Each structure stands twice: as C-alpha cells, then as structure tokens.
C-alpha atoms as a PDB file:
ATOM      1  CA  MET A   1      -0.616  -0.131  -0.019  1.00  0.00           C
ATOM      2  CA  ASP A   2       1.654   3.551  -0.833  1.00  0.00           C
ATOM      3  CA  LEU A   3       1.593   6.138   1.908  1.00  0.00           C
ATOM      4  CA  PHE A   4      -0.603   8.377   0.008  1.00  0.00           C
ATOM      5  CA  ASN A   5      -4.174   5.790   0.149  1.00  0.00           C
ATOM      6  CA  PHE A   6      -2.832   4.757   3.861  1.00  0.00           C
ATOM      7  CA  ILE A   7      -2.731   7.692   5.595  1.00  0.00           C
ATOM      8  CA  SER A   8      -6.403   8.148   3.327  1.00  0.00           C
ATOM      9  CA  LYS A   9      -7.568   4.715   4.605  1.00  0.00           C
ATOM     10  CA  SER A  10      -6.275   5.547   8.213  1.00  0.00           C
ATOM     11  CA  ARG A  11      -8.288   9.201   8.662  1.00  0.00           C
ATOM     12  CA  CYS A  12     -11.751   7.475   5.999  1.00  0.00           C
ATOM     13  CA  ALA A  13     -11.459   4.804   9.975  1.00  0.00           C
ATOM     14  CA  LEU A  14     -10.786   7.146  12.639  1.00  0.00           C
ATOM     15  CA  MET A  15     -13.926   9.325  11.084  1.00  0.00           C
ATOM     16  CA  HIS A  16     -16.123   6.842  11.238  1.00  0.00           C
ATOM     17  CA  PHE A  17     -15.019   5.100  15.325  1.00  0.00           C
ATOM     18  CA  GLU A  18     -13.380   6.900  17.641  1.00  0.00           C
ATOM     19  CA  LYS A  19     -10.703   4.241  19.902  1.00  0.00           C
ATOM     20  CA  ILE A  20     -10.897   4.790  23.375  1.00  0.00           C
ATOM     21  CA  THR A  21      -7.922   2.040  23.385  1.00  0.00           C
ATOM     22  CA  GLU A  22      -5.734   4.880  21.497  1.00  0.00           C
ATOM     23  CA  ALA A  23      -6.864   7.866  23.665  1.00  0.00           C
ATOM     24  CA  ASP A  24      -3.643  10.140  25.298  1.00  0.00           C
ATOM     25  CA  SER A  25      -2.970   8.503  28.765  1.00  0.00           C
ATOM     26  CA  ASP A  26      -4.458   9.466  31.917  1.00  0.00           C
ATOM     27  CA  TYR A  27      -0.617  10.253  33.088  1.00  0.00           C
ATOM     28  CA  HIS A  28       2.714  12.141  31.184  1.00  0.00           C
ATOM     29  CA  HIS A  29       6.115  12.521  31.804  1.00  0.00           C
ATOM     30  CA  LEU A  30       6.100   9.209  32.515  1.00  0.00           C
ATOM     31  CA  ASP A  31       9.652   8.856  31.186  1.00  0.00           C
ATOM     32  CA  LYS A  32      10.481  11.693  34.285  1.00  0.00           C
ATOM     33  CA  MET A  33       8.667   9.203  37.264  1.00  0.00           C
ATOM     34  CA  PRO A  34      10.196   7.947  39.283  1.00  0.00           C
ATOM     35  CA  VAL A  35      10.157   3.713  39.391  1.00  0.00           C
ATOM     36  CA  GLU A  36       7.845   3.606  42.443  1.00  0.00           C
ATOM     37  CA  GLU A  37       5.473   5.988  40.880  1.00  0.00           C
ATOM     38  CA  LEU A  38       5.889   4.299  37.684  1.00  0.00           C
ATOM     39  CA  LEU A  39       4.900   0.678  39.169  1.00  0.00           C
ATOM     40  CA  ASN A  40       1.650   2.202  41.901  1.00  0.00           C
ATOM     41  CA  ASN A  41       0.214   4.374  39.050  1.00  0.00           C
ATOM     42  CA  ILE A  42       0.216   0.828  36.411  1.00  0.00           C
ATOM     43  CA  ASN A  43      -1.342  -1.480  39.831  1.00  0.00           C
ATOM     44  CA  ARG A  44      -3.767   1.276  39.839  1.00  0.00           C
ATOM     45  CA  GLU A  45      -4.792   1.448  35.957  1.00  0.00           C
ATOM     46  CA  ASP A  46      -5.499  -2.816  36.275  1.00  0.00           C
ATOM     47  CA  GLU A  47      -6.801  -2.553  39.916  1.00  0.00           C
ATOM     48  CA  ARG A  48     -10.074  -0.895  37.493  1.00  0.00           C
ATOM     49  CA  VAL A  49     -10.588  -4.094  35.199  1.00  0.00           C
ATOM     50  CA  PRO A  50     -11.686  -6.421  36.804  1.00  0.00           C
ATOM     51  CA  GLY A  51     -14.765  -4.074  38.353  1.00  0.00           C
ATOM     52  CA  ILE A  52     -15.096  -2.812  35.011  1.00  0.00           C
ATOM     53  CA  ILE A  53     -15.464  -7.137  33.639  1.00  0.00           C
ATOM     54  CA  LYS A  54     -17.755  -7.680  36.504  1.00  0.00           C
ATOM     55  CA  HIS A  55     -20.524  -5.560  34.775  1.00  0.00           C
ATOM     56  CA  ILE A  56     -20.697  -7.215  31.567  1.00  0.00           C
ATOM     57  CA  ILE A  57     -21.041 -10.181  32.835  1.00  0.00           C
ATOM     58  CA  PRO A  58     -24.160 -10.858  31.992  1.00  0.00           C
ATOM     59  CA  TYR A  59     -22.593 -11.323  27.740  1.00  0.00           C
ATOM     60  CA  ILE A  60     -20.159 -12.975  28.944  1.00  0.00           C
ATOM     61  CA  THR A  61     -23.070 -15.473  30.439  1.00  0.00           C
ATOM     62  CA  ILE A  62     -24.867 -15.456  27.009  1.00  0.00           C
ATOM     63  CA  LEU A  63     -21.868 -16.143  24.865  1.00  0.00           C
ATOM     64  CA  VAL A  64     -20.126 -19.569  27.273  1.00  0.00           C
ATOM     65  CA  ASN A  65     -24.284 -20.769  27.711  1.00  0.00           C
ATOM     66  CA  ALA A  66     -23.918 -20.986  23.614  1.00  0.00           C
ATOM     67  CA  ILE A  67     -20.315 -22.473  23.214  1.00  0.00           C
ATOM     68  CA  VAL A  68     -21.302 -24.586  26.619  1.00  0.00           C
ATOM     69  CA  ASP A  69     -24.013 -25.854  23.868  1.00  0.00           C
ATOM     70  CA  LYS A  70     -22.218 -26.010  20.460  1.00  0.00           C
ATOM     71  CA  MET A  71     -19.783 -28.947  21.950  1.00  0.00           C
ATOM     72  CA  LEU A  72     -21.819 -31.111  23.434  1.00  0.00           C
ATOM     73  CA  ALA A  73     -23.114 -31.358  20.345  1.00  0.00           C
ATOM     74  CA  GLY A  74     -19.582 -32.645  18.918  1.00  0.00           C
ATOM     75  CA  GLY A  75     -18.162 -28.840  18.279  1.00  0.00           C
ATOM     76  CA  ARG A  76     -15.487 -26.580  18.922  1.00  0.00           C
ATOM     77  CA  LEU A  77     -14.629 -23.428  20.304  1.00  0.00           C
ATOM     78  CA  PHE A  78     -12.107 -21.135  18.072  1.00  0.00           C
ATOM     79  CA  TYR A  79     -10.806 -18.449  19.344  1.00  0.00           C
ATOM     80  CA  ILE A  80      -8.971 -15.585  16.711  1.00  0.00           C
ATOM     81  CA  GLY A  81      -7.030 -12.450  16.629  1.00  0.00           C
ATOM     82  CA  ALA A  82      -4.097 -10.476  16.164  1.00  0.00           C
ATOM     83  CA  GLY A  83      -0.922  -9.481  18.152  1.00  0.00           C
ATOM     84  CA  THR A  84      -1.439  -9.584  21.624  1.00  0.00           C
ATOM     85  CA  SER A  85      -4.945 -10.731  20.965  1.00  0.00           C
ATOM     86  CA  GLY A  86      -3.792 -13.358  18.776  1.00  0.00           C
ATOM     87  CA  ARG A  87      -1.637 -14.677  20.937  1.00  0.00           C
ATOM     88  CA  LEU A  88      -3.303 -14.491  23.963  1.00  0.00           C
ATOM     89  CA  GLY A  89      -6.163 -16.962  22.730  1.00  0.00           C
ATOM     90  CA  ILE A  90      -3.385 -19.202  21.670  1.00  0.00           C
ATOM     91  CA  VAL A  91      -1.731 -19.446  25.412  1.00  0.00           C
ATOM     92  CA  ASP A  92      -5.481 -19.664  26.567  1.00  0.00           C
ATOM     93  CA  ALA A  93      -6.320 -22.891  23.831  1.00  0.00           C
ATOM     94  CA  SER A  94      -3.461 -24.536  24.613  1.00  0.00           C
ATOM     95  CA  GLU A  95      -3.657 -24.842  27.903  1.00  0.00           C
ATOM     96  CA  CYS A  96      -7.178 -26.873  27.862  1.00  0.00           C
ATOM     97  CA  PRO A  97      -6.003 -29.832  27.207  1.00  0.00           C
ATOM     98  CA  PRO A  98      -3.293 -30.457  30.250  1.00  0.00           C
ATOM     99  CA  THR A  99      -5.428 -27.973  32.470  1.00  0.00           C
ATOM    100  CA  TYR A 100      -8.882 -30.233  31.880  1.00  0.00           C
ATOM    101  CA  GLY A 101      -7.861 -33.559  29.822  1.00  0.00           C
ATOM    102  CA  VAL A 102      -9.382 -32.301  26.668  1.00  0.00           C
ATOM    103  CA  PRO A 103      -8.074 -33.336  23.094  1.00  0.00           C
ATOM    104  CA  TYR A 104      -6.002 -30.750  21.542  1.00  0.00           C
ATOM    105  CA  GLY A 105      -7.385 -29.769  18.658  1.00  0.00           C
ATOM    106  CA  LEU A 106     -11.034 -28.748  21.058  1.00  0.00           C
ATOM    107  CA  VAL A 107      -9.973 -25.513  21.546  1.00  0.00           C
ATOM    108  CA  ILE A 108      -7.660 -23.741  18.851  1.00  0.00           C
ATOM    109  CA  GLY A 109      -6.415 -20.386  19.121  1.00  0.00           C
ATOM    110  CA  ILE A 110      -5.389 -18.799  15.605  1.00  0.00           C
ATOM    111  CA  ILE A 111      -3.372 -16.134  14.989  1.00  0.00           C
ATOM    112  CA  ALA A 112      -2.756 -13.366  12.284  1.00  0.00           C
ATOM    113  CA  GLY A 113       0.930 -13.912  10.407  1.00  0.00           C
ATOM    114  CA  GLY A 114       0.513 -18.060  11.363  1.00  0.00           C
ATOM    115  CA  TYR A 115       3.087 -19.864  13.770  1.00  0.00           C
ATOM    116  CA  LYS A 116       5.944 -16.481  13.495  1.00  0.00           C
ATOM    117  CA  ALA A 117       3.377 -14.121  15.348  1.00  0.00           C
ATOM    118  CA  ILE A 118       3.426 -16.202  18.587  1.00  0.00           C
ATOM    119  CA  THR A 119       7.191 -14.802  19.029  1.00  0.00           C
ATOM    120  CA  GLU A 120       6.852 -12.132  15.927  1.00  0.00           C
ATOM    121  CA  ALA A 121       5.709  -9.620  15.254  1.00  0.00           C
ATOM    122  CA  VAL A 122       4.268 -10.146  11.186  1.00  0.00           C
ATOM    123  CA  GLU A 123       3.758  -7.122   9.302  1.00  0.00           C
ATOM    124  CA  PHE A 124       0.339  -5.704   8.116  1.00  0.00           C
ATOM    125  CA  ALA A 125      -0.849  -9.272   8.771  1.00  0.00           C
ATOM    126  CA  GLU A 126      -3.612  -7.827  11.120  1.00  0.00           C
ATOM    127  CA  ASP A 127      -4.642  -5.571   7.541  1.00  0.00           C
ATOM    128  CA  ASP A 128      -5.763  -9.177   5.312  1.00  0.00           C
ATOM    129  CA  THR A 129      -9.621  -9.379   5.689  1.00  0.00           C
ATOM    130  CA  GLU A 130      -9.733 -12.792   3.231  1.00  0.00           C
ATOM    131  CA  GLN A 131      -7.004 -14.550   5.563  1.00  0.00           C
ATOM    132  CA  GLY A 132      -8.615 -15.506   8.957  1.00  0.00           C
ATOM    133  CA  TRP A 133     -10.984 -17.034   6.524  1.00  0.00           C
ATOM    134  CA  LEU A 134      -8.478 -18.955   4.826  1.00  0.00           C
ATOM    135  CA  ASP A 135      -7.003 -19.764   7.994  1.00  0.00           C
ATOM    136  CA  LEU A 136     -10.274 -21.651  10.045  1.00  0.00           C
ATOM    137  CA  LYS A 137     -10.902 -23.880   6.661  1.00  0.00           C
ATOM    138  CA  GLU A 138      -7.412 -24.643   8.292  1.00  0.00           C
ATOM    139  CA  HIS A 139      -9.347 -26.291  10.340  1.00  0.00           C
ATOM    140  CA  ASN A 140     -12.288 -27.363   8.422  1.00  0.00           C
ATOM    141  CA  VAL A 141     -14.291 -25.459  10.546  1.00  0.00           C
ATOM    142  CA  ASN A 142     -18.352 -25.646  10.559  1.00  0.00           C
ATOM    143  CA  SER A 143     -21.183 -24.753  11.840  1.00  0.00           C
ATOM    144  CA  LEU A 144     -21.120 -26.588  15.166  1.00  0.00           C
ATOM    145  CA  ASP A 145     -18.318 -24.748  16.241  1.00  0.00           C
ATOM    146  CA  VAL A 146     -17.760 -21.807  17.931  1.00  0.00           C
ATOM    147  CA  VAL A 147     -15.340 -18.473  16.635  1.00  0.00           C
ATOM    148  CA  ILE A 148     -14.531 -15.701  19.141  1.00  0.00           C
ATOM    149  CA  GLY A 149     -12.431 -12.913  17.488  1.00  0.00           C
ATOM    150  CA  ILE A 150     -10.185 -11.209  19.852  1.00  0.00           C
ATOM    151  CA  ALA A 151      -9.289  -7.969  19.342  1.00  0.00           C
ATOM    152  CA  ALA A 152      -8.633  -4.901  21.500  1.00  0.00           C
ATOM    153  CA  SER A 153      -9.684  -1.979  19.093  1.00  0.00           C
ATOM    154  CA  GLY A 154     -12.868  -3.640  17.827  1.00  0.00           C
ATOM    155  CA  THR A 155     -11.134  -2.017  13.926  1.00  0.00           C
ATOM    156  CA  THR A 156      -8.544  -5.575  12.940  1.00  0.00           C
ATOM    157  CA  PRO A 157      -9.846  -6.301   9.761  1.00  0.00           C
ATOM    158  CA  TYR A 158      -7.664  -9.841   9.591  1.00  0.00           C
ATOM    159  CA  VAL A 159     -10.747 -10.676  12.625  1.00  0.00           C
ATOM    160  CA  ILE A 160     -13.385  -8.884  10.893  1.00  0.00           C
ATOM    161  CA  GLY A 161     -13.560 -10.447   7.821  1.00  0.00           C
ATOM    162  CA  ALA A 162     -13.095 -13.659   9.425  1.00  0.00           C
ATOM    163  CA  LEU A 163     -16.109 -13.018  11.354  1.00  0.00           C
ATOM    164  CA  GLU A 164     -18.377 -11.794   8.476  1.00  0.00           C
ATOM    165  CA  LYS A 165     -17.051 -15.027   6.854  1.00  0.00           C
ATOM    166  CA  CYS A 166     -18.302 -17.351   9.784  1.00  0.00           C
ATOM    167  CA  LYS A 167     -21.491 -15.721   9.793  1.00  0.00           C
ATOM    168  CA  ALA A 168     -22.752 -16.960   6.166  1.00  0.00           C
ATOM    169  CA  HIS A 169     -22.000 -20.023   6.357  1.00  0.00           C
ATOM    170  CA  ASN A 170     -23.252 -20.461   9.762  1.00  0.00           C
ATOM    171  CA  ILE A 171     -21.307 -20.353  12.567  1.00  0.00           C
ATOM    172  CA  VAL A 172     -22.027 -19.027  15.740  1.00  0.00           C
ATOM    173  CA  THR A 173     -19.364 -16.180  16.735  1.00  0.00           C
ATOM    174  CA  GLY A 174     -18.633 -13.785  19.658  1.00  0.00           C
ATOM    175  CA  SER A 175     -16.676 -10.990  20.082  1.00  0.00           C
ATOM    176  CA  ILE A 176     -14.040 -10.070  23.173  1.00  0.00           C
ATOM    177  CA  CYS A 177     -13.044  -5.882  22.813  1.00  0.00           C
ATOM    178  CA  CYS A 178     -12.418  -3.200  24.134  1.00  0.00           C
ATOM    179  CA  ASN A 179     -13.828  -0.388  22.543  1.00  0.00           C
ATOM    180  CA  PRO A 180     -17.873   0.890  22.170  1.00  0.00           C
ATOM    181  CA  GLY A 181     -19.801   0.188  19.824  1.00  0.00           C
ATOM    182  CA  ALA A 182     -16.464  -1.336  17.387  1.00  0.00           C
ATOM    183  CA  PRO A 183     -17.143  -2.875  14.197  1.00  0.00           C
ATOM    184  CA  LEU A 184     -16.238  -6.667  15.596  1.00  0.00           C
ATOM    185  CA  SER A 185     -19.412  -6.673  17.706  1.00  0.00           C
ATOM    186  CA  ALA A 186     -21.495  -5.568  14.937  1.00  0.00           C
ATOM    187  CA  ALA A 187     -19.896  -9.317  12.831  1.00  0.00           C
ATOM    188  CA  ALA A 188     -20.256 -11.018  16.336  1.00  0.00           C
ATOM    189  CA  ASP A 189     -23.750 -12.925  17.313  1.00  0.00           C
ATOM    190  CA  PHE A 190     -22.543 -12.668  21.019  1.00  0.00           C
ATOM    191  CA  ALA A 191     -20.387  -9.656  21.446  1.00  0.00           C
ATOM    192  CA  VAL A 192     -18.000  -8.203  24.784  1.00  0.00           C
ATOM    193  CA  GLU A 193     -16.961  -4.898  24.979  1.00  0.00           C
ATOM    194  CA  VAL A 194     -15.032  -5.134  28.261  1.00  0.00           C
ATOM    195  CA  VAL A 195     -14.091  -1.186  27.966  1.00  0.00           C
ATOM    196  CA  VAL A 196     -11.081  -0.304  30.366  1.00  0.00           C
ATOM    197  CA  GLY A 197     -10.476   3.430  29.165  1.00  0.00           C
ATOM    198  CA  PRO A 198      -6.782   4.913  27.866  1.00  0.00           C
ATOM    199  CA  GLU A 199      -3.801   3.471  28.450  1.00  0.00           C
ATOM    200  CA  PHE A 200      -1.200   3.685  30.855  1.00  0.00           C
ATOM    201  CA  VAL A 201       1.371   4.297  27.711  1.00  0.00           C
ATOM    202  CA  THR A 202      -0.678   5.473  25.228  1.00  0.00           C
ATOM    203  CA  GLY A 203      -1.653   3.556  22.422  1.00  0.00           C
ATOM    204  CA  SER A 204       0.135  -0.036  24.679  1.00  0.00           C
ATOM    205  CA  THR A 205      -2.968  -2.413  24.476  1.00  0.00           C
ATOM    206  CA  ARG A 206      -0.741  -4.742  25.998  1.00  0.00           C
ATOM    207  CA  MET A 207      -1.888  -3.398  28.626  1.00  0.00           C
ATOM    208  CA  LYS A 208      -5.001  -3.157  30.589  1.00  0.00           C
ATOM    209  CA  SER A 209      -6.649  -4.268  27.201  1.00  0.00           C
ATOM    210  CA  GLY A 210      -4.754  -7.129  27.387  1.00  0.00           C
ATOM    211  CA  THR A 211      -5.226  -7.559  31.040  1.00  0.00           C
ATOM    212  CA  ALA A 212      -9.220  -7.731  30.279  1.00  0.00           C
ATOM    213  CA  GLN A 213      -9.072 -10.230  27.285  1.00  0.00           C
ATOM    214  CA  LYS A 214      -7.217 -12.933  29.343  1.00  0.00           C
ATOM    215  CA  LEU A 215      -9.480 -12.669  32.126  1.00  0.00           C
ATOM    216  CA  VAL A 216     -12.448 -12.386  29.998  1.00  0.00           C
ATOM    217  CA  LEU A 217     -10.661 -15.797  28.204  1.00  0.00           C
ATOM    218  CA  ASN A 218      -9.967 -17.045  31.604  1.00  0.00           C
ATOM    219  CA  MET A 219     -13.454 -17.326  32.417  1.00  0.00           C
ATOM    220  CA  ILE A 220     -14.955 -18.360  29.520  1.00  0.00           C
ATOM    221  CA  SER A 221     -12.840 -21.423  28.942  1.00  0.00           C
ATOM    222  CA  THR A 222     -12.877 -21.926  33.042  1.00  0.00           C
ATOM    223  CA  ALA A 223     -16.667 -21.859  33.322  1.00  0.00           C
ATOM    224  CA  VAL A 224     -16.800 -23.804  29.587  1.00  0.00           C
ATOM    225  CA  MET A 225     -15.007 -26.803  30.894  1.00  0.00           C
ATOM    226  CA  ILE A 226     -17.096 -27.730  34.302  1.00  0.00           C
ATOM    227  CA  ARG A 227     -20.248 -27.313  32.803  1.00  0.00           C
ATOM    228  CA  LEU A 228     -18.585 -29.395  30.111  1.00  0.00           C
ATOM    229  CA  GLY A 229     -18.337 -32.088  33.556  1.00  0.00           C
ATOM    230  CA  ARG A 230     -14.368 -31.461  33.339  1.00  0.00           C
ATOM    231  CA  VAL A 231     -14.105 -29.929  37.004  1.00  0.00           C
ATOM    232  CA  GLU A 232     -15.582 -31.643  39.994  1.00  0.00           C
ATOM    233  CA  ASP A 233     -16.563 -30.189  42.886  1.00  0.00           C
ATOM    234  CA  ASN A 234     -13.544 -27.412  42.044  1.00  0.00           C
ATOM    235  CA  LYS A 235     -10.947 -29.986  41.290  1.00  0.00           C
ATOM    236  CA  MET A 236      -8.725 -30.526  38.449  1.00  0.00           C
ATOM    237  CA  VAL A 237      -9.978 -34.861  38.056  1.00  0.00           C
ATOM    238  CA  ASN A 238      -8.705 -34.488  33.914  1.00  0.00           C
ATOM    239  CA  MET A 239      -5.374 -32.653  34.267  1.00  0.00           C
ATOM    240  CA  GLN A 240      -2.706 -34.748  32.445  1.00  0.00           C
ATOM    241  CA  LEU A 241       0.128 -35.994  34.531  1.00  0.00           C
ATOM    242  CA  THR A 242       2.669 -33.602  33.043  1.00  0.00           C
ATOM    243  CA  ASN A 243       5.220 -33.020  35.532  1.00  0.00           C
ATOM    244  CA  ASP A 244       5.822 -34.101  38.926  1.00  0.00           C
ATOM    245  CA  LYS A 245       4.009 -31.123  40.590  1.00  0.00           C
ATOM    246  CA  LEU A 246       0.276 -32.329  38.537  1.00  0.00           C
ATOM    247  CA  VAL A 247       1.660 -36.221  39.941  1.00  0.00           C
ATOM    248  CA  ASP A 248       1.806 -34.357  43.259  1.00  0.00           C
ATOM    249  CA  ARG A 249      -1.353 -32.799  43.083  1.00  0.00           C
ATOM    250  CA  GLY A 250      -3.178 -36.152  41.787  1.00  0.00           C
ATOM    251  CA  VAL A 251      -1.994 -37.774  44.566  1.00  0.00           C
ATOM    252  CA  LYS A 252      -3.251 -35.874  47.264  1.00  0.00           C
ATOM    253  CA  MET A 253      -6.614 -36.097  45.658  1.00  0.00           C
ATOM    254  CA  LEU A 254      -6.977 -39.093  45.205  1.00  0.00           C
ATOM    255  CA  MET A 255      -5.699 -39.765  48.981  1.00  0.00           C
ATOM    256  CA  GLU A 256      -8.700 -37.492  50.119  1.00  0.00           C
ATOM    257  CA  ASN A 257     -11.183 -38.980  48.130  1.00  0.00           C
ATOM    258  CA  LEU A 258      -9.945 -42.484  48.835  1.00  0.00           C
ATOM    259  CA  GLY A 259      -9.094 -42.676  52.141  1.00  0.00           C
ATOM    260  CA  ILE A 260      -5.356 -44.651  51.463  1.00  0.00           C
ATOM    261  CA  ASN A 261      -2.038 -43.763  51.967  1.00  0.00           C
ATOM    262  CA  ASP A 262       0.298 -41.804  49.283  1.00  0.00           C
ATOM    263  CA  TYR A 263       2.282 -45.015  47.737  1.00  0.00           C
ATOM    264  CA  GLU A 264      -1.275 -46.461  46.960  1.00  0.00           C
ATOM    265  CA  ALA A 265      -2.416 -43.846  45.445  1.00  0.00           C
ATOM    266  CA  ALA A 266       0.282 -42.824  43.515  1.00  0.00           C
ATOM    267  CA  LYS A 267       0.588 -46.997  42.626  1.00  0.00           C
ATOM    268  CA  VAL A 268      -3.675 -46.524  41.225  1.00  0.00           C
ATOM    269  CA  LEU A 269      -2.619 -43.332  39.488  1.00  0.00           C
ATOM    270  CA  LEU A 270       0.285 -44.157  37.556  1.00  0.00           C
ATOM    271  CA  LEU A 271       0.329 -47.653  36.981  1.00  0.00           C
ATOM    272  CA  GLN A 272      -3.312 -48.011  36.533  1.00  0.00           C
ATOM    273  CA  HIS A 273      -6.145 -44.947  35.347  1.00  0.00           C
ATOM    274  CA  GLY A 274      -3.417 -42.558  34.881  1.00  0.00           C
ATOM    275  CA  THR A 275      -5.981 -39.721  35.562  1.00  0.00           C
ATOM    276  CA  VAL A 276      -7.833 -39.030  38.976  1.00  0.00           C
ATOM    277  CA  LYS A 277     -11.396 -39.579  37.747  1.00  0.00           C
ATOM    278  CA  LYS A 278     -10.686 -43.033  36.951  1.00  0.00           C
ATOM    279  CA  ALA A 279      -8.352 -43.949  39.252  1.00  0.00           C
ATOM    280  CA  THR A 280     -11.411 -42.422  41.835  1.00  0.00           C
ATOM    281  CA  GLU A 281     -14.538 -44.439  39.717  1.00  0.00           C
ATOM    282  CA  ASN A 282     -12.552 -47.477  38.997  1.00  0.00           C
ATOM    283  CA  TYR A 283     -10.465 -47.718  42.457  1.00  0.00           C
ATOM    284  CA  HIS A 284     -11.305 -50.852  44.049  1.00  0.00           C
ATOM    285  CA  LEU A 285     -10.353 -51.586  48.178  1.00  0.00           C
END
C-alpha cells in the first residue's frame, strides 16, 4: 500500500469510529517518573479492570452458554486474533488439554501471521481481510463450531473478515474487544466489550486491554470446561500428569477422595488409571 492510500484509509476509519484504546494516556511525563511511582500508577489502572468486567458478566454468560451448547453437540471452540490478542487466545487454547484433559484440537487458537507471529510481529498480517477465514478453513471450521474474534481495538480487518465469513456460513461467533460499539462487535453474534479506557502508555493495548482480554478468556474457558464436566467439586480431576507437580497434586486428590496412603495413590494413579477421575471411579479396595 502506498503512503497516500494508507493515510487516506486511516483518516477515513478515524472519521467513523473513535478508539478509546488509542486515546491519550491520563498520565504524563512518564519518562520522568520514579520507578515506584510508575509501578503504583500501572497498578492503579490494572485495579480498574475486574470491576469493569463485573458489569458485563451477563454478556459473557450468554456467550458461554452458546459455546457449551455447541460443544455438547460435538463442536469446537476457536479463538482468532492478531498480535497480543492472538497470542492470548493461543495461550488459553493451549492450556485446556493439560488442565482439563480434553483432546488437542477441541479449543484452537489462530493468530494473524501464523506460527511465527506468536513470538515476532508479522508486518500487516492483521490488515488482510481474507486470510482469517482461510486460516479457519485449514481446520475445517463448520456450523457445529464457535469462533471468537479477539481484538482490543475492535477494528482488526483480519478478525472482522473472519467473523463475517463465519456468519455467512452459519457459524456462531463471539467477540472480545475494548472499544464500545466496535465494528468487531457488529460482526459477532455475541459481543463482549470491556471498555477499560486509555492505556497507561498511550495505545499500548498489551496493558489494561490485554489484562481484560486475558481475564475474560479465563472466565470463558474455565466456565465452559466446568459445564462440560471436566471439573468435579473444585478439582481438575481430568488433568494430564505432565510433570511432578501435577502428579503430586493428583496423588493428594486420591488420598483425600479414597482415604488411601501416598504409595497406594501413586500406584493407582500412575500404573493403573492415569487420571484422578478414572482412578476414583474404578478403585477397588
């Protein structure tokens, strides 16, 4: 894109939509602040995020219920985003199998620019209106699935284009953004807008906006997995035993559930059943 067209396109977008996420910071002269003052001010802004999320829980609830209905019918959950938002989706998706024992591929994170973009910025990847849908198609996305678009600004073409294509193919969509009335929200069936205000460093949406998106993603995946029966009482009984810490946690769960010693619990868990849930259900004295 040449410079003239880029500037014209940017001005046109700004005329039609005001991004609070790009508004000037409420703090000034950051480069002259002592470190402790910097940290206190960042923390002050972060403290606002949970309270803002509290007021939009009804919208998150509707989205979670829609996801659960689809997944109980055999569908999957997709997150799609660019930059920080895309990385947050990938983190949340990647943690579901080890935490809840679900198969890889049940929750899928997709980022503009592909695998490389997880650790490096891929120039202009987020501006491609067609690639998001092409990336979803690589996973055979279909009408049983739910696709959640994540974008702090709510204006990312890669994400909006993907959701619009999903809607055209009768695929349920959700969105998470940090600007009110965002184009992304208009493209989604179930929109979640966490309006946290200007960032401490102007436009740095990896800060409050990133925190807000991470908290909402935690809420969504955790609530969905609980409703799918992957948690019993308050325990991760289906977790994968991928390290010593998790084995120790599983042993302690079995000692509590079955009233057996640590040696017997470890034997039952590691040599016979592999998960706390299976060991609890099938243990015989």
